Amino acid sequence: MLTKVLVYQTNNKNDFIQNMTAVLSKDYVPFSRMECVTCLSFDIEDTPENKLSILEKVFNMCNDDDLRGEITLNYSVSVGDIVVVNFTAYRCVSDDWDLIPLNDAEVKVIEEVYQEYEALYETDNDNNNEEEETMMNNNGTINEETINNNTNGGND
């Protein structure tokens, strides 16, 4: 079973500054003022034992300069950002992740984003049936050979 992950970030300078200065006060920007910037899937079972591993994988992927542009519209994950693993939300804090409760409206927003992502993914797969390669390996890392083929026209 694939574990779906969404990354939410602020979309304006004031909210970004509020998140960056909220380390001590915990006065972070609420989920409702953040936007989803990427959706990832991992072939890792979503269990309590795997949560930290999934969060660390997302953090590392989004903060790797070589991979970041391929998966997050060139954003990195930093303090205050929210990572949703299936329907459980975590806020990135200075050296850890805080579990954050979601209300019914926020869960509905996440459901809608997942549905949009699924529809986009299905449409993209239908349009590219002859293209077998994918940018992501099953373990959630970028397939470097595919990137090289796509950027070099298949010539190394």
Protein backbone atom coordinates (compact mmCIF):
# COMPACT_ATOMS: atom_id res chain seq x y z
CA MET A 1 0.00 0.00 0.00
CA LEU A 2 1.33 3.43 -0.93
CA THR A 3 1.68 6.07 1.73
CA LYS A 4 0.54 9.45 0.44
CA VAL A 5 2.32 12.56 1.67
CA LEU A 6 1.40 16.22 1.20
CA VAL A 7 3.69 19.15 1.99
CA TYR A 8 2.04 22.42 3.03
CA GLN A 9 3.85 25.74 3.20
CA THR A 10 3.07 29.40 3.66
CA ASN A 11 2.34 31.38 0.54
CA ASN A 12 3.36 34.89 1.60
CA LYS A 13 6.30 36.64 3.24
CA ASN A 14 4.51 37.63 6.47
CA ASP A 15 3.33 34.08 7.18
CA PHE A 16 6.80 32.73 6.39
CA ILE A 17 8.36 35.17 8.88
CA GLN A 18 5.74 34.25 11.49
CA ASN A 19 6.61 30.56 11.16
CA MET A 20 10.35 31.19 11.29
CA THR A 21 10.04 33.26 14.48
CA ALA A 22 7.50 30.96 16.18
CA VAL A 23 10.05 28.45 17.45
CA LEU A 24 9.66 29.50 21.10
CA SER A 25 6.12 30.87 21.11
CA LYS A 26 4.61 28.07 18.98
CA ASP A 27 2.54 30.79 17.28
CA TYR A 28 2.66 29.12 13.88
CA VAL A 29 0.54 29.98 10.87
CA PRO A 30 -2.64 27.84 10.92
CA PHE A 31 -3.15 25.06 8.39
CA SER A 32 -5.96 27.04 6.73
CA ARG A 33 -3.49 29.73 5.57
CA MET A 34 -1.04 27.29 4.02
CA GLU A 35 -1.01 25.73 0.57
CA CYS A 36 -0.08 22.29 -0.68
CA VAL A 37 3.12 22.51 -2.73
CA THR A 38 3.73 18.85 -3.49
CA CYS A 39 2.26 15.38 -3.17
CA LEU A 40 4.51 12.35 -2.86
CA SER A 41 3.90 8.61 -2.62
CA PHE A 42 6.11 6.09 -0.90
CA ASP A 43 6.03 2.32 -0.98
CA ILE A 44 6.36 2.27 2.81
CA GLU A 45 3.62 1.06 5.11
CA ASP A 46 2.17 3.88 7.18
CA THR A 47 2.64 2.49 10.68
CA PRO A 48 3.51 4.28 13.93
CA GLU A 49 6.97 2.72 13.71
CA ASN A 50 7.52 4.15 10.21
CA LYS A 51 6.18 7.70 10.80
CA LEU A 52 9.52 9.27 11.75
CA SER A 53 11.27 7.50 8.89
CA ILE A 54 8.68 8.84 6.41
CA LEU A 55 8.93 12.38 7.80
CA GLU A 56 12.74 12.28 7.67
CA LYS A 57 12.64 10.98 4.09
CA VAL A 58 10.34 13.84 3.04
CA PHE A 59 12.50 16.40 4.84
CA ASN A 60 15.70 15.09 3.26
CA MET A 61 14.20 14.87 -0.22
CA CYS A 62 12.77 18.38 -0.07
CA ASN A 63 16.02 19.85 1.22
CA ASP A 64 18.36 18.15 -1.25
CA ASP A 65 19.27 20.78 -3.85
CA ASP A 66 19.62 18.14 -6.59
CA LEU A 67 16.14 16.69 -5.99
CA ARG A 68 14.17 19.66 -4.72
CA GLY A 69 13.27 21.19 -8.05
CA GLU A 70 11.94 17.86 -9.32
CA ILE A 71 9.48 17.30 -6.48
CA THR A 72 8.55 20.53 -4.70
CA LEU A 73 8.49 23.42 -7.13
CA ASN A 74 11.86 24.41 -5.66
CA TYR A 75 10.65 24.82 -2.07
CA SER A 76 12.43 23.32 0.91
CA VAL A 77 10.83 22.06 4.12
CA SER A 78 11.57 24.31 7.08
CA VAL A 79 10.26 25.30 10.50
CA GLY A 80 6.49 25.76 10.47
CA ASP A 81 5.80 23.70 7.35
CA ILE A 82 3.26 20.90 7.61
CA VAL A 83 3.70 17.39 6.27
CA VAL A 84 0.57 15.27 6.05
CA VAL A 85 1.15 11.51 6.03
CA ASN A 86 -2.10 10.03 4.81
CA PHE A 87 -4.45 11.95 7.15
CA THR A 88 -2.07 12.67 10.03
CA ALA A 89 -0.47 16.12 10.08
CA TYR A 90 2.93 17.03 11.51
CA ARG A 91 4.49 20.46 11.83
CA CYS A 92 8.23 20.82 11.29
CA VAL A 93 9.71 22.39 14.43
CA SER A 94 13.34 23.27 15.11
CA ASP A 95 14.58 19.72 15.74
CA ASP A 96 11.53 17.47 15.60
CA TRP A 97 7.95 17.06 14.35
CA ASP A 98 4.85 18.05 16.31
CA LEU A 99 1.62 16.16 15.73
CA ILE A 100 -1.10 18.69 14.94
CA PRO A 101 -4.83 18.00 15.20
CA LEU A 102 -6.94 18.51 12.10
CA ASN A 103 -10.56 19.61 12.21
CA ASP A 104 -13.22 18.23 9.85
CA ALA A 105 -12.82 21.10 7.37
CA GLU A 106 -9.05 20.53 7.15
CA VAL A 107 -9.53 16.78 6.63
CA LYS A 108 -11.97 17.61 3.82
CA VAL A 109 -9.36 19.88 2.18
CA ILE A 110 -6.80 17.06 2.37
CA GLU A 111 -9.30 14.59 0.87
CA GLU A 112 -9.91 16.99 -2.02
CA VAL A 113 -6.18 17.43 -2.64
CA TYR A 114 -5.66 13.66 -2.65
CA GLN A 115 -8.57 13.25 -5.11
CA GLU A 116 -7.15 15.95 -7.39
CA TYR A 117 -3.74 14.32 -7.23
CA GLU A 118 -5.19 10.88 -8.01
CA ALA A 119 -7.14 12.28 -10.99
CA LEU A 120 -4.06 14.11 -12.28
CA TYR A 121 -1.91 11.02 -11.80
CA GLU A 122 -4.43 8.81 -13.65
CA THR A 123 -4.74 11.33 -16.51
CA ASP A 124 -0.97 11.64 -16.75
CA ASN A 125 -0.58 7.84 -16.82
CA ASP A 126 -3.27 7.53 -19.50
CA ASN A 127 -1.47 10.11 -21.64
CA ASN A 128 1.92 8.44 -21.21
CA ASN A 129 1.14 4.73 -21.49
CA GLU A 130 4.14 4.07 -23.73
CA GLU A 131 6.47 5.73 -21.21
CA GLU A 132 7.36 3.03 -18.68
CA GLU A 133 9.93 4.95 -16.65
CA THR A 134 8.99 7.08 -13.70
CA MET A 135 10.85 9.88 -11.98
CA MET A 136 10.39 8.20 -8.59
CA ASN A 137 11.61 4.79 -7.50
CA ASN A 138 9.43 2.72 -5.15
CA ASN A 139 11.49 3.83 -2.16
CA GLY A 140 10.61 7.47 -2.85
CA THR A 141 13.92 8.56 -4.32
CA ILE A 142 14.38 10.20 -7.67
CA ASN A 143 15.40 7.84 -10.46
CA GLU A 144 18.64 9.51 -11.63
CA GLU A 145 18.83 7.50 -14.85
CA THR A 146 15.41 8.77 -15.89
CA ILE A 147 16.39 12.35 -15.08
CA ASN A 148 19.55 11.99 -17.18
CA ASN A 149 17.59 10.49 -20.06
CA ASN A 150 14.99 13.25 -19.85
CA THR A 151 17.49 16.10 -19.63
CA ASN A 152 20.04 14.73 -22.11
CA GLY A 153 17.58 13.42 -24.63
CA GLY A 154 18.63 9.90 -23.66
CA ASN A 155 22.27 10.53 -24.57
CA ASP A 156 24.94 10.32 -21.85
